[in-house]
Amino acid sequence: MTTRSIKVENRLGLHARPSALLVRTATKYRSDFFIEHWGERVNGKSIMGVMMLAAEYGSELLLIANGADETYLLDEVTELFKSKFNED
């Protein structure tokens, strides 16, 4: 299992478009993927789960991946966050 802390840096937070992009990216991998925010853990491959986090700008998230390709999954998801989901 690999974990990584990340900060939501796009101004609008994890609204519908970045959430969908995040889920689409994560589902390319076989590893399990979860996101924690304020102690709540959701399936990072579920659009409803990601949207329920209501992670706004500046939120600290914990990304958790477990499986054969966990590092690759977290690397690609981290790049999404760093690119601000190509919104800014």
Foldseek 3Di string as FASTA:
>chain_A
DDKDKDFQAAQAFPDQPLLVVQLVLLVVDPWFKWKDFPRDIFGSNDSVRSNVNVGHHGTMMMIDTDDDCRVVSVVVSRVCRVCSVVPD
